[in-house]
Amino acid sequence: MIEFEAEFHNVDHLEKVPGTEGWRLERFPGQLQKELGIARNHNGQFRSRFAQGCEIRFVTEGDFFEIGLSAGWRDGEVTVWLGDIMHSRHTLKAGEFTVLHIDYPDAFKQVDTSQIPAGRFASQVWRVQFGHGGYVYFHFLDTFGAERRPPKPEEKPEISWAAYGSSITCGHACGQYVNSYVEQAALHLGYDVLNKGLSGSCMGETAAAEYLAGLSVDVVSLELGVNMLAFLEPEEFEARVSRILGEMREKSRAKKIFVIDMFDNRGRIFLNHQDRRYRNFHSFRQIVREQTKKQGDGRMAHLGGETILKSLTWLSGDLLHPSDTGHILMGRELAEKMR
């Protein structure tokens, strides 16, 4: 999305919220947000508004710029990049208005920047990336009279990838969002990733399926299962997987669709074998595998979660979310398989 002479990456629209200043970055359409959830879990209606993976991108010849931002009900993580080189990290304090003053690095003025190897992004592209936290509001971008523009296609990755999934896809438990497995895989592959994760609320709703199928991207990944495991029995889960894959088969223009079943987690080793998360763990995995094959779509590839997260030691202390190390290793494994 292009607004304010900049590209708002992974942003469906900017929402003006009554009683607040600025525009809230929204990863999903407003009507879709209202349709997310099941009787026992409607968290997707607000977690779909979390800004992880959103970026504000632009090019300017100015020596500095300022950007006004604020966070909603909890602190937000911001990382500023110049191309693929990290410039600085910042925190948006919940409920506070923050102005970041960003200077063009002195080191860049002292070297021949044409000698910096080409990465995913051209070295002149500023990227203000939002990671963990909640809502983010954009207030202004000031380049102090210097012209600015959105990046050109040749200044960005050629291949776009939309990643749908749980809080694991969102990068939960990472110290830095850039360490999340989707960001790490995108780095290895040279892709531009749109994070469409829904923390604790990846429920495979009809509206979500239709939205994902309509995205104009080259690659889609669907991490399916872990959020539905605690709420659904296999029959309902199978119906939801069948529906979302059917929508992708019939309507998606993506060239490749990767269907990922559950990563290993504590559910596999629960002492209480009657807990849904233990009792249905393997059947959910089997359903994803079988439904992917049943679609008969040559673009679809099933990826077993155990082939991406290869050891329970890659998890953090909750034995569900990977640690930074786990995410980094998962990103490498996933990139190899996607490649």
C-alpha atoms as a PDB file:
ATOM      1  CA  MET A   1       0.000   0.000   0.000  1.00  0.00           C
ATOM      2  CA  ILE A   2       1.340   3.447  -0.962  1.00  0.00           C
ATOM      3  CA  GLU A   3       0.542   6.422   1.281  1.00  0.00           C
ATOM      4  CA  PHE A   4       2.474   9.542   2.351  1.00  0.00           C
ATOM      5  CA  GLU A   5       5.027   8.951  -0.453  1.00  0.00           C
ATOM      6  CA  ALA A   6       6.051   5.687   1.211  1.00  0.00           C
ATOM      7  CA  GLU A   7       5.228   1.990   0.976  1.00  0.00           C
ATOM      8  CA  PHE A   8       3.338   0.448   3.887  1.00  0.00           C
ATOM      9  CA  HIS A   9       4.378  -3.184   3.533  1.00  0.00           C
ATOM     10  CA  ASN A  10       2.136  -5.928   4.958  1.00  0.00           C
ATOM     11  CA  VAL A  11      -0.499  -3.254   5.649  1.00  0.00           C
ATOM     12  CA  ASP A  12      -3.978  -3.700   4.186  1.00  0.00           C
ATOM     13  CA  HIS A  13      -5.116  -0.222   5.175  1.00  0.00           C
ATOM     14  CA  LEU A  14      -4.593   2.603   7.644  1.00  0.00           C
ATOM     15  CA  GLU A  15      -7.440   2.917  10.128  1.00  0.00           C
ATOM     16  CA  LYS A  16      -8.477   6.217  11.661  1.00  0.00           C
ATOM     17  CA  VAL A  17      -9.736   5.311  15.145  1.00  0.00           C
ATOM     18  CA  PRO A  18     -12.096   7.769  16.912  1.00  0.00           C
ATOM     19  CA  GLY A  19     -10.530   9.248  20.024  1.00  0.00           C
ATOM     20  CA  THR A  20      -6.975   8.528  18.932  1.00  0.00           C
ATOM     21  CA  GLU A  21      -4.338  10.344  16.919  1.00  0.00           C
ATOM     22  CA  GLY A  22      -2.625   8.886  13.899  1.00  0.00           C
ATOM     23  CA  TRP A  23      -3.585   5.946  11.718  1.00  0.00           C
ATOM     24  CA  ARG A  24      -3.481   2.347  12.993  1.00  0.00           C
ATOM     25  CA  LEU A  25      -1.595  -0.099  10.783  1.00  0.00           C
ATOM     26  CA  GLU A  26      -3.967  -2.937   9.841  1.00  0.00           C
ATOM     27  CA  ARG A  27      -2.675  -6.209   8.378  1.00  0.00           C
ATOM     28  CA  PHE A  28      -6.176  -7.482   7.521  1.00  0.00           C
ATOM     29  CA  PRO A  29      -9.360  -5.910   6.105  1.00  0.00           C
ATOM     30  CA  GLY A  30     -11.756  -4.562   8.735  1.00  0.00           C
ATOM     31  CA  GLN A  31     -14.661  -6.830   7.778  1.00  0.00           C
ATOM     32  CA  LEU A  32     -12.439  -9.914   7.976  1.00  0.00           C
ATOM     33  CA  GLN A  33     -11.378  -9.008  11.516  1.00  0.00           C
ATOM     34  CA  LYS A  34     -15.021  -9.072  12.629  1.00  0.00           C
ATOM     35  CA  GLU A  35     -15.479 -12.597  11.261  1.00  0.00           C
ATOM     36  CA  LEU A  36     -12.502 -14.200  12.995  1.00  0.00           C
ATOM     37  CA  GLY A  37     -12.928 -16.640  15.848  1.00  0.00           C
ATOM     38  CA  ILE A  38     -15.037 -19.494  17.187  1.00  0.00           C
ATOM     39  CA  ALA A  39     -17.400 -19.636  20.159  1.00  0.00           C
ATOM     40  CA  ARG A  40     -14.557 -20.217  22.641  1.00  0.00           C
ATOM     41  CA  ASN A  41     -11.897 -18.037  21.032  1.00  0.00           C
ATOM     42  CA  HIS A  42     -12.496 -14.642  19.429  1.00  0.00           C
ATOM     43  CA  ASN A  43      -8.975 -13.342  20.051  1.00  0.00           C
ATOM     44  CA  GLY A  44      -8.305 -13.026  16.352  1.00  0.00           C
ATOM     45  CA  GLN A  45     -10.556  -9.980  16.272  1.00  0.00           C
ATOM     46  CA  PHE A  46      -7.924  -7.919  18.075  1.00  0.00           C
ATOM     47  CA  ARG A  47      -4.736  -9.903  17.433  1.00  0.00           C
ATOM     48  CA  SER A  48      -5.263  -9.435  13.711  1.00  0.00           C
ATOM     49  CA  ARG A  49      -4.463  -5.776  14.437  1.00  0.00           C
ATOM     50  CA  PHE A  50      -0.994  -6.522  15.806  1.00  0.00           C
ATOM     51  CA  ALA A  51       1.643  -4.957  13.565  1.00  0.00           C
ATOM     52  CA  GLN A  52       4.356  -7.611  13.513  1.00  0.00           C
ATOM     53  CA  GLY A  53       6.007  -7.749  10.111  1.00  0.00           C
ATOM     54  CA  CYS A  54       4.636  -4.393   8.967  1.00  0.00           C
ATOM     55  CA  GLU A  55       7.174  -1.985   7.485  1.00  0.00           C
ATOM     56  CA  ILE A  56       7.229   1.614   6.294  1.00  0.00           C
ATOM     57  CA  ARG A  57       9.631   1.809   3.347  1.00  0.00           C
ATOM     58  CA  PHE A  58      10.923   4.793   1.398  1.00  0.00           C
ATOM     59  CA  VAL A  59      13.933   6.300  -0.345  1.00  0.00           C
ATOM     60  CA  THR A  60      15.184   9.835   0.305  1.00  0.00           C
ATOM     61  CA  GLU A  61      18.373  11.792  -0.393  1.00  0.00           C
ATOM     62  CA  GLY A  62      18.116  13.624   2.910  1.00  0.00           C
ATOM     63  CA  ASP A  63      20.699  13.221   5.673  1.00  0.00           C
ATOM     64  CA  PHE A  64      18.034  12.553   8.284  1.00  0.00           C
ATOM     65  CA  PHE A  65      14.335  12.044   8.821  1.00  0.00           C
ATOM     66  CA  GLU A  66      11.839  11.886  11.659  1.00  0.00           C
ATOM     67  CA  ILE A  67       8.911   9.566  12.040  1.00  0.00           C
ATOM     68  CA  GLY A  68       6.114   9.956  14.573  1.00  0.00           C
ATOM     69  CA  LEU A  69       4.680   6.738  15.999  1.00  0.00           C
ATOM     70  CA  SER A  70       2.756   5.458  18.989  1.00  0.00           C
ATOM     71  CA  ALA A  71       1.835   2.065  20.430  1.00  0.00           C
ATOM     72  CA  GLY A  72      -1.506   0.862  21.731  1.00  0.00           C
ATOM     73  CA  TRP A  73      -2.047  -1.140  24.872  1.00  0.00           C
ATOM     74  CA  ARG A  74       1.431  -2.648  25.081  1.00  0.00           C
ATOM     75  CA  ASP A  75       4.975  -1.704  24.100  1.00  0.00           C
ATOM     76  CA  GLY A  76       6.069  -2.175  20.495  1.00  0.00           C
ATOM     77  CA  GLU A  77       9.387  -3.182  18.944  1.00  0.00           C
ATOM     78  CA  VAL A  78      10.819  -1.090  16.092  1.00  0.00           C
ATOM     79  CA  THR A  79      13.913  -1.868  14.039  1.00  0.00           C
ATOM     80  CA  VAL A  80      15.206   0.580  11.451  1.00  0.00           C
ATOM     81  CA  TRP A  81      17.076  -0.852   8.470  1.00  0.00           C
ATOM     82  CA  LEU A  82      18.986   0.734   5.619  1.00  0.00           C
ATOM     83  CA  GLY A  83      18.601  -1.903   2.961  1.00  0.00           C
ATOM     84  CA  ASP A  84      19.604  -5.123   4.705  1.00  0.00           C
ATOM     85  CA  ILE A  85      21.843  -3.394   7.260  1.00  0.00           C
ATOM     86  CA  MET A  86      20.391  -2.789  10.702  1.00  0.00           C
ATOM     87  CA  HIS A  87      20.562   0.885  11.633  1.00  0.00           C
ATOM     88  CA  SER A  88      18.997   0.953  15.124  1.00  0.00           C
ATOM     89  CA  ARG A  89      16.455  -0.589  17.474  1.00  0.00           C
ATOM     90  CA  HIS A  90      13.781   1.267  19.425  1.00  0.00           C
ATOM     91  CA  THR A  91      10.851   0.676  21.765  1.00  0.00           C
ATOM     92  CA  LEU A  92       7.469   2.338  21.493  1.00  0.00           C
ATOM     93  CA  LYS A  93       6.065   2.725  25.002  1.00  0.00           C
ATOM     94  CA  ALA A  94       2.390   1.855  25.256  1.00  0.00           C
ATOM     95  CA  GLY A  95       0.157   4.917  25.243  1.00  0.00           C
ATOM     96  CA  GLU A  96       2.986   7.336  24.462  1.00  0.00           C
ATOM     97  CA  PHE A  97       3.722   9.383  21.351  1.00  0.00           C
ATOM     98  CA  THR A  98       7.283   8.815  20.106  1.00  0.00           C
ATOM     99  CA  VAL A  99       9.329  10.679  17.521  1.00  0.00           C
ATOM    100  CA  LEU A 100      12.324   8.796  16.160  1.00  0.00           C
ATOM    101  CA  HIS A 101      15.078  10.982  14.726  1.00  0.00           C
ATOM    102  CA  ILE A 102      17.114   8.884  12.288  1.00  0.00           C
ATOM    103  CA  ASP A 103      20.417  10.098  10.811  1.00  0.00           C
ATOM    104  CA  TYR A 104      22.053   8.729   7.684  1.00  0.00           C
ATOM    105  CA  PRO A 105      25.055   6.814   9.091  1.00  0.00           C
ATOM    106  CA  ASP A 106      28.399   8.643   9.034  1.00  0.00           C
ATOM    107  CA  ALA A 107      30.088   5.378   8.042  1.00  0.00           C
ATOM    108  CA  PHE A 108      28.090   5.305   4.813  1.00  0.00           C
ATOM    109  CA  LYS A 109      29.468   8.767   3.914  1.00  0.00           C
ATOM    110  CA  GLN A 110      33.035   7.506   4.323  1.00  0.00           C
ATOM    111  CA  VAL A 111      32.847   4.510   1.988  1.00  0.00           C
ATOM    112  CA  ASP A 112      31.988   3.592  -1.578  1.00  0.00           C
ATOM    113  CA  THR A 113      28.463   2.296  -0.975  1.00  0.00           C
ATOM    114  CA  SER A 114      28.434   0.677  -4.418  1.00  0.00           C
ATOM    115  CA  GLN A 115      30.810  -1.890  -2.926  1.00  0.00           C
ATOM    116  CA  ILE A 116      28.190  -3.040  -0.405  1.00  0.00           C
ATOM    117  CA  PRO A 117      26.914  -6.373  -1.766  1.00  0.00           C
ATOM    118  CA  ALA A 118      23.371  -6.418  -3.067  1.00  0.00           C
ATOM    119  CA  GLY A 119      21.011  -8.062  -0.599  1.00  0.00           C
ATOM    120  CA  ARG A 120      17.270  -8.407  -0.667  1.00  0.00           C
ATOM    121  CA  PHE A 121      16.901  -4.626  -0.617  1.00  0.00           C
ATOM    122  CA  ALA A 122      18.832  -1.839  -2.301  1.00  0.00           C
ATOM    123  CA  SER A 123      21.137  -0.102   0.152  1.00  0.00           C
ATOM    124  CA  GLN A 124      19.262   3.226  -0.126  1.00  0.00           C
ATOM    125  CA  VAL A 125      15.892   1.844   1.005  1.00  0.00           C
ATOM    126  CA  TRP A 126      14.906   2.891   4.519  1.00  0.00           C
ATOM    127  CA  ARG A 127      12.778   0.271   6.284  1.00  0.00           C
ATOM    128  CA  VAL A 128      11.023   0.992   9.582  1.00  0.00           C
ATOM    129  CA  GLN A 129      10.020  -2.503  10.702  1.00  0.00           C
ATOM    130  CA  PHE A 130       7.582  -3.327  13.491  1.00  0.00           C
ATOM    131  CA  GLY A 131       8.044  -6.474  15.528  1.00  0.00           C
ATOM    132  CA  HIS A 132       6.536  -7.749  18.743  1.00  0.00           C
ATOM    133  CA  GLY A 133       3.930  -5.706  20.565  1.00  0.00           C
ATOM    134  CA  GLY A 134       0.380  -4.713  19.815  1.00  0.00           C
ATOM    135  CA  TYR A 135      -1.149  -1.911  17.807  1.00  0.00           C
ATOM    136  CA  VAL A 136       1.028   0.676  16.055  1.00  0.00           C
ATOM    137  CA  TYR A 137      -0.183   4.121  15.003  1.00  0.00           C
ATOM    138  CA  PHE A 138       1.537   6.163  12.300  1.00  0.00           C
ATOM    139  CA  HIS A 139       1.472   9.948  12.782  1.00  0.00           C
ATOM    140  CA  PHE A 140       3.897  11.527  10.330  1.00  0.00           C
ATOM    141  CA  LEU A 141       7.034  11.101   8.242  1.00  0.00           C
ATOM    142  CA  ASP A 142       9.201  14.199   7.798  1.00  0.00           C
ATOM    143  CA  THR A 143      12.219  14.278   5.472  1.00  0.00           C
ATOM    144  CA  PHE A 144      12.718  18.019   6.049  1.00  0.00           C
ATOM    145  CA  GLY A 145      12.204  19.136   2.486  1.00  0.00           C
ATOM    146  CA  ALA A 146      14.129  16.288   0.865  1.00  0.00           C
ATOM    147  CA  GLU A 147      12.094  14.380  -1.687  1.00  0.00           C
ATOM    148  CA  ARG A 148      11.058  10.861  -0.862  1.00  0.00           C
ATOM    149  CA  ARG A 149       9.432   8.047  -2.779  1.00  0.00           C
ATOM    150  CA  PRO A 150       8.401   4.420  -2.312  1.00  0.00           C
ATOM    151  CA  PRO A 151      10.980   1.788  -3.320  1.00  0.00           C
ATOM    152  CA  LYS A 152      10.968   0.711  -6.944  1.00  0.00           C
ATOM    153  CA  PRO A 153      10.304  -2.971  -7.763  1.00  0.00           C
ATOM    154  CA  GLU A 154      13.972  -3.518  -8.607  1.00  0.00           C
ATOM    155  CA  GLU A 155      14.944  -2.235  -5.138  1.00  0.00           C
ATOM    156  CA  LYS A 156      12.977  -4.988  -3.382  1.00  0.00           C
ATOM    157  CA  PRO A 157      12.839  -8.804  -3.488  1.00  0.00           C
ATOM    158  CA  GLU A 158      11.280 -10.189  -6.634  1.00  0.00           C
ATOM    159  CA  ILE A 159       9.283 -12.960  -4.928  1.00  0.00           C
ATOM    160  CA  SER A 160       6.514 -12.218  -2.400  1.00  0.00           C
ATOM    161  CA  TRP A 161       5.473 -14.723   0.267  1.00  0.00           C
ATOM    162  CA  ALA A 162       2.413 -14.614   2.558  1.00  0.00           C
ATOM    163  CA  ALA A 163       2.842 -16.621   5.781  1.00  0.00           C
ATOM    164  CA  TYR A 164      -0.306 -17.644   7.720  1.00  0.00           C
ATOM    165  CA  GLY A 165      -0.098 -19.350  11.079  1.00  0.00           C
ATOM    166  CA  SER A 166      -0.067 -19.144  14.855  1.00  0.00           C
ATOM    167  CA  SER A 167       1.990 -17.120  17.328  1.00  0.00           C
ATOM    168  CA  ILE A 168       4.968 -19.204  16.180  1.00  0.00           C
ATOM    169  CA  THR A 169       4.620 -17.656  12.732  1.00  0.00           C
ATOM    170  CA  CYS A 170       4.290 -14.290  14.502  1.00  0.00           C
ATOM    171  CA  GLY A 171       7.697 -14.925  16.101  1.00  0.00           C
ATOM    172  CA  HIS A 172       6.453 -15.129  19.685  1.00  0.00           C
ATOM    173  CA  ALA A 173       9.213 -15.719  22.291  1.00  0.00           C
ATOM    174  CA  CYS A 174      11.939 -14.296  20.034  1.00  0.00           C
ATOM    175  CA  GLY A 175      14.056 -11.589  21.579  1.00  0.00           C
ATOM    176  CA  GLN A 176      14.022  -9.846  18.192  1.00  0.00           C
ATOM    177  CA  TYR A 177      11.356 -10.190  15.521  1.00  0.00           C
ATOM    178  CA  VAL A 178      14.011 -10.510  12.822  1.00  0.00           C
ATOM    179  CA  ASN A 179      14.936 -13.873  14.369  1.00  0.00           C
ATOM    180  CA  SER A 180      11.472 -15.329  13.707  1.00  0.00           C
ATOM    181  CA  TYR A 181      11.468 -18.361  11.456  1.00  0.00           C
ATOM    182  CA  VAL A 182       9.564 -16.614   8.650  1.00  0.00           C
ATOM    183  CA  GLU A 183      11.968 -13.662   8.613  1.00  0.00           C
ATOM    184  CA  GLN A 184      14.959 -15.991   8.741  1.00  0.00           C
ATOM    185  CA  ALA A 185      13.625 -18.149   5.912  1.00  0.00           C
ATOM    186  CA  ALA A 186      12.859 -15.044   3.841  1.00  0.00           C
ATOM    187  CA  LEU A 187      16.421 -13.859   4.405  1.00  0.00           C
ATOM    188  CA  HIS A 188      17.876 -17.166   3.171  1.00  0.00           C
ATOM    189  CA  LEU A 189      15.529 -17.284   0.181  1.00  0.00           C
ATOM    190  CA  GLY A 190      15.675 -13.629  -0.784  1.00  0.00           C
ATOM    191  CA  TYR A 191      11.888 -13.343  -0.504  1.00  0.00           C
ATOM    192  CA  ASP A 192       9.703 -10.473   0.688  1.00  0.00           C
ATOM    193  CA  VAL A 193       7.461 -11.901   3.410  1.00  0.00           C
ATOM    194  CA  LEU A 194       4.042 -10.684   4.530  1.00  0.00           C
ATOM    195  CA  ASN A 195       3.405 -11.976   8.035  1.00  0.00           C
ATOM    196  CA  LYS A 196      -0.272 -12.937   8.302  1.00  0.00           C
ATOM    197  CA  GLY A 197       0.116 -14.812  11.578  1.00  0.00           C
ATOM    198  CA  LEU A 198      -2.670 -14.703  14.169  1.00  0.00           C
ATOM    199  CA  SER A 199      -1.295 -15.270  17.634  1.00  0.00           C
ATOM    200  CA  GLY A 200      -3.330 -17.881  19.515  1.00  0.00           C
ATOM    201  CA  SER A 201      -6.139 -17.497  16.994  1.00  0.00           C
ATOM    202  CA  CYS A 202      -5.187 -19.224  13.749  1.00  0.00           C
ATOM    203  CA  MET A 203      -8.532 -20.996  13.373  1.00  0.00           C
ATOM    204  CA  GLY A 204      -8.886 -21.470   9.619  1.00  0.00           C
ATOM    205  CA  GLU A 205     -12.148 -19.542   9.298  1.00  0.00           C
ATOM    206  CA  THR A 206     -13.922 -19.256   5.952  1.00  0.00           C
ATOM    207  CA  ALA A 207     -13.219 -15.517   5.823  1.00  0.00           C
ATOM    208  CA  ALA A 208      -9.506 -16.090   6.483  1.00  0.00           C
ATOM    209  CA  ALA A 209      -9.372 -18.769   3.787  1.00  0.00           C
ATOM    210  CA  GLU A 210     -11.013 -16.473   1.244  1.00  0.00           C
ATOM    211  CA  TYR A 211      -8.684 -13.621   2.136  1.00  0.00           C
ATOM    212  CA  LEU A 212      -5.516 -15.703   1.829  1.00  0.00           C
ATOM    213  CA  ALA A 213      -6.666 -17.159  -1.484  1.00  0.00           C
ATOM    214  CA  GLY A 214      -7.173 -13.647  -2.834  1.00  0.00           C
ATOM    215  CA  LEU A 215      -3.723 -12.297  -1.982  1.00  0.00           C
ATOM    216  CA  SER A 216      -1.560 -11.332  -4.951  1.00  0.00           C
ATOM    217  CA  VAL A 217       1.619 -13.153  -3.928  1.00  0.00           C
ATOM    218  CA  ASP A 218       3.941 -15.740  -5.460  1.00  0.00           C
ATOM    219  CA  VAL A 219       4.172 -18.075  -2.457  1.00  0.00           C
ATOM    220  CA  VAL A 220       1.870 -18.926   0.452  1.00  0.00           C
ATOM    221  CA  SER A 221       2.671 -20.940   3.579  1.00  0.00           C
ATOM    222  CA  LEU A 222      -0.037 -22.249   5.895  1.00  0.00           C
ATOM    223  CA  GLU A 223       1.008 -23.353   9.388  1.00  0.00           C
ATOM    224  CA  LEU A 224      -2.067 -25.274  10.517  1.00  0.00           C
ATOM    225  CA  GLY A 225      -3.112 -27.014  13.691  1.00  0.00           C
ATOM    226  CA  VAL A 226      -1.649 -25.850  16.946  1.00  0.00           C
ATOM    227  CA  ASN A 227      -4.253 -23.169  17.794  1.00  0.00           C
ATOM    228  CA  MET A 228      -7.142 -25.455  16.847  1.00  0.00           C
ATOM    229  CA  LEU A 229      -5.814 -28.440  18.780  1.00  0.00           C
ATOM    230  CA  ALA A 230      -7.144 -27.291  22.151  1.00  0.00           C
ATOM    231  CA  PHE A 231     -10.618 -26.422  20.838  1.00  0.00           C
ATOM    232  CA  LEU A 232     -11.574 -28.816  18.037  1.00  0.00           C
ATOM    233  CA  GLU A 233     -11.989 -32.519  17.532  1.00  0.00           C
ATOM    234  CA  PRO A 234     -10.496 -34.115  14.408  1.00  0.00           C
ATOM    235  CA  GLU A 235     -13.728 -34.013  12.379  1.00  0.00           C
ATOM    236  CA  GLU A 236     -14.106 -30.241  12.681  1.00  0.00           C
ATOM    237  CA  PHE A 237     -10.394 -29.689  12.141  1.00  0.00           C
ATOM    238  CA  GLU A 238     -10.496 -31.788   8.972  1.00  0.00           C
ATOM    239  CA  ALA A 239     -13.419 -29.737   7.651  1.00  0.00           C
ATOM    240  CA  ARG A 240     -11.529 -26.490   8.248  1.00  0.00           C
ATOM    241  CA  VAL A 241      -8.328 -27.745   6.638  1.00  0.00           C
ATOM    242  CA  SER A 242     -10.291 -29.042   3.656  1.00  0.00           C
ATOM    243  CA  ARG A 243     -12.025 -25.677   3.302  1.00  0.00           C
ATOM    244  CA  ILE A 244      -8.912 -23.535   3.436  1.00  0.00           C
ATOM    245  CA  LEU A 245      -6.983 -25.785   1.049  1.00  0.00           C
ATOM    246  CA  GLY A 246      -9.969 -25.922  -1.285  1.00  0.00           C
ATOM    247  CA  GLU A 247     -10.111 -22.141  -1.393  1.00  0.00           C
ATOM    248  CA  MET A 248      -6.405 -22.007  -2.142  1.00  0.00           C
ATOM    249  CA  ARG A 249      -6.739 -24.601  -4.919  1.00  0.00           C
ATOM    250  CA  GLU A 250      -9.653 -22.855  -6.585  1.00  0.00           C
ATOM    251  CA  LYS A 251      -8.799 -19.166  -6.184  1.00  0.00           C
ATOM    252  CA  SER A 252      -5.159 -18.586  -5.278  1.00  0.00           C
ATOM    253  CA  ARG A 253      -2.810 -17.377  -7.992  1.00  0.00           C
ATOM    254  CA  ALA A 254       0.264 -18.331  -5.947  1.00  0.00           C
ATOM    255  CA  LYS A 255       2.826 -20.426  -7.789  1.00  0.00           C
ATOM    256  CA  LYS A 256       3.602 -22.531  -4.719  1.00  0.00           C
ATOM    257  CA  ILE A 257       1.629 -23.324  -1.566  1.00  0.00           C
ATOM    258  CA  PHE A 258       3.428 -24.898   1.396  1.00  0.00           C
ATOM    259  CA  VAL A 259       1.174 -26.606   3.940  1.00  0.00           C
ATOM    260  CA  ILE A 260       2.936 -27.067   7.287  1.00  0.00           C
ATOM    261  CA  ASP A 261       1.525 -29.299  10.013  1.00  0.00           C
ATOM    262  CA  MET A 262       2.261 -28.810  13.715  1.00  0.00           C
ATOM    263  CA  PHE A 263       5.759 -28.292  14.989  1.00  0.00           C
ATOM    264  CA  ASP A 264       6.782 -30.564  17.840  1.00  0.00           C
ATOM    265  CA  ASN A 265       5.768 -29.182  21.234  1.00  0.00           C
ATOM    266  CA  ARG A 266       4.740 -30.148  24.771  1.00  0.00           C
ATOM    267  CA  GLY A 267       1.477 -31.658  23.531  1.00  0.00           C
ATOM    268  CA  ARG A 268       3.324 -34.702  22.231  1.00  0.00           C
ATOM    269  CA  ILE A 269       4.677 -35.531  25.683  1.00  0.00           C
ATOM    270  CA  PHE A 270       1.827 -34.529  28.015  1.00  0.00           C
ATOM    271  CA  LEU A 271       1.421 -36.738  31.084  1.00  0.00           C
ATOM    272  CA  ASN A 272      -2.355 -36.433  30.735  1.00  0.00           C
ATOM    273  CA  HIS A 273      -3.116 -38.560  27.688  1.00  0.00           C
ATOM    274  CA  GLN A 274      -6.767 -37.445  27.717  1.00  0.00           C
ATOM    275  CA  ASP A 275      -5.851 -33.846  27.003  1.00  0.00           C
ATOM    276  CA  ARG A 276      -6.898 -32.921  23.452  1.00  0.00           C
ATOM    277  CA  ARG A 277      -3.421 -31.570  22.821  1.00  0.00           C
ATOM    278  CA  TYR A 278      -2.015 -35.068  23.399  1.00  0.00           C
ATOM    279  CA  ARG A 279      -4.910 -37.196  22.236  1.00  0.00           C
ATOM    280  CA  ASN A 280      -5.315 -35.480  18.854  1.00  0.00           C
ATOM    281  CA  PHE A 281      -1.743 -34.396  18.186  1.00  0.00           C
ATOM    282  CA  HIS A 282      -0.854 -37.097  15.674  1.00  0.00           C
ATOM    283  CA  SER A 283      -4.301 -37.232  14.067  1.00  0.00           C
ATOM    284  CA  PHE A 284      -4.166 -33.490  13.344  1.00  0.00           C
ATOM    285  CA  ARG A 285      -0.805 -33.952  11.661  1.00  0.00           C
ATOM    286  CA  GLN A 286      -2.163 -36.829   9.622  1.00  0.00           C
ATOM    287  CA  ILE A 287      -5.184 -34.783   8.556  1.00  0.00           C
ATOM    288  CA  VAL A 288      -3.005 -31.970   7.201  1.00  0.00           C
ATOM    289  CA  ARG A 289      -0.879 -34.460   5.290  1.00  0.00           C
ATOM    290  CA  GLU A 290      -3.861 -36.310   3.811  1.00  0.00           C
ATOM    291  CA  GLN A 291      -5.869 -33.220   2.946  1.00  0.00           C
ATOM    292  CA  THR A 292      -2.911 -31.667   1.141  1.00  0.00           C
ATOM    293  CA  LYS A 293      -2.542 -34.798  -0.985  1.00  0.00           C
ATOM    294  CA  LYS A 294      -6.300 -35.025  -1.558  1.00  0.00           C
ATOM    295  CA  GLN A 295      -6.414 -31.580  -3.195  1.00  0.00           C
ATOM    296  CA  GLY A 296      -4.484 -32.919  -6.184  1.00  0.00           C
ATOM    297  CA  ASP A 297      -2.886 -29.510  -6.713  1.00  0.00           C
ATOM    298  CA  GLY A 298       0.676 -29.712  -7.968  1.00  0.00           C
ATOM    299  CA  ARG A 299       1.429 -26.337  -6.407  1.00  0.00           C
ATOM    300  CA  MET A 300       0.797 -27.694  -2.911  1.00  0.00           C
ATOM    301  CA  ALA A 301       3.577 -29.295  -0.895  1.00  0.00           C
ATOM    302  CA  HIS A 302       3.125 -30.770   2.572  1.00  0.00           C
ATOM    303  CA  LEU A 303       5.906 -30.053   5.063  1.00  0.00           C
ATOM    304  CA  GLY A 304       6.025 -32.034   8.298  1.00  0.00           C
ATOM    305  CA  GLY A 305       6.527 -29.836  11.325  1.00  0.00           C
ATOM    306  CA  GLU A 306       9.035 -32.299  12.741  1.00  0.00           C
ATOM    307  CA  THR A 307      11.272 -31.736   9.695  1.00  0.00           C
ATOM    308  CA  ILE A 308      11.439 -28.007  10.426  1.00  0.00           C
ATOM    309  CA  LEU A 309      11.617 -27.949  14.237  1.00  0.00           C
ATOM    310  CA  LYS A 310      13.869 -30.962  14.645  1.00  0.00           C
ATOM    311  CA  SER A 311      14.314 -31.047  18.418  1.00  0.00           C
ATOM    312  CA  LEU A 312      12.323 -30.124  21.513  1.00  0.00           C
ATOM    313  CA  THR A 313      15.513 -28.395  22.685  1.00  0.00           C
ATOM    314  CA  TRP A 314      14.766 -25.700  20.099  1.00  0.00           C
ATOM    315  CA  LEU A 315      11.796 -24.604  22.226  1.00  0.00           C
ATOM    316  CA  SER A 316      11.614 -21.960  24.947  1.00  0.00           C
ATOM    317  CA  GLY A 317      10.563 -22.635  28.531  1.00  0.00           C
ATOM    318  CA  ASP A 318       6.855 -23.014  27.747  1.00  0.00           C
ATOM    319  CA  LEU A 319       7.724 -26.006  25.537  1.00  0.00           C
ATOM    320  CA  LEU A 320       5.516 -24.556  22.819  1.00  0.00           C
ATOM    321  CA  HIS A 321       7.185 -21.513  21.289  1.00  0.00           C
ATOM    322  CA  PRO A 322      10.681 -21.826  19.820  1.00  0.00           C
ATOM    323  CA  SER A 323      13.530 -19.820  21.314  1.00  0.00           C
ATOM    324  CA  ASP A 324      15.571 -17.404  19.212  1.00  0.00           C
ATOM    325  CA  THR A 325      17.955 -20.260  18.457  1.00  0.00           C
ATOM    326  CA  GLY A 326      15.047 -22.507  17.550  1.00  0.00           C
ATOM    327  CA  HIS A 327      13.496 -19.939  15.229  1.00  0.00           C
ATOM    328  CA  ILE A 328      16.819 -19.291  13.499  1.00  0.00           C
ATOM    329  CA  LEU A 329      17.406 -23.016  12.934  1.00  0.00           C
ATOM    330  CA  MET A 330      13.801 -23.485  11.777  1.00  0.00           C
ATOM    331  CA  GLY A 331      14.194 -20.670   9.281  1.00  0.00           C
ATOM    332  CA  ARG A 332      17.198 -22.385   7.784  1.00  0.00           C
ATOM    333  CA  GLU A 333      15.409 -25.745   7.561  1.00  0.00           C
ATOM    334  CA  LEU A 334      12.258 -24.218   6.057  1.00  0.00           C
ATOM    335  CA  ALA A 335      14.233 -22.230   3.484  1.00  0.00           C
ATOM    336  CA  GLU A 336      15.977 -25.380   2.297  1.00  0.00           C
ATOM    337  CA  LYS A 337      12.657 -27.144   1.823  1.00  0.00           C
ATOM    338  CA  MET A 338      10.946 -24.190   0.150  1.00  0.00           C
ATOM    339  CA  ARG A 339      13.891 -23.727  -2.168  1.00  0.00           C
END
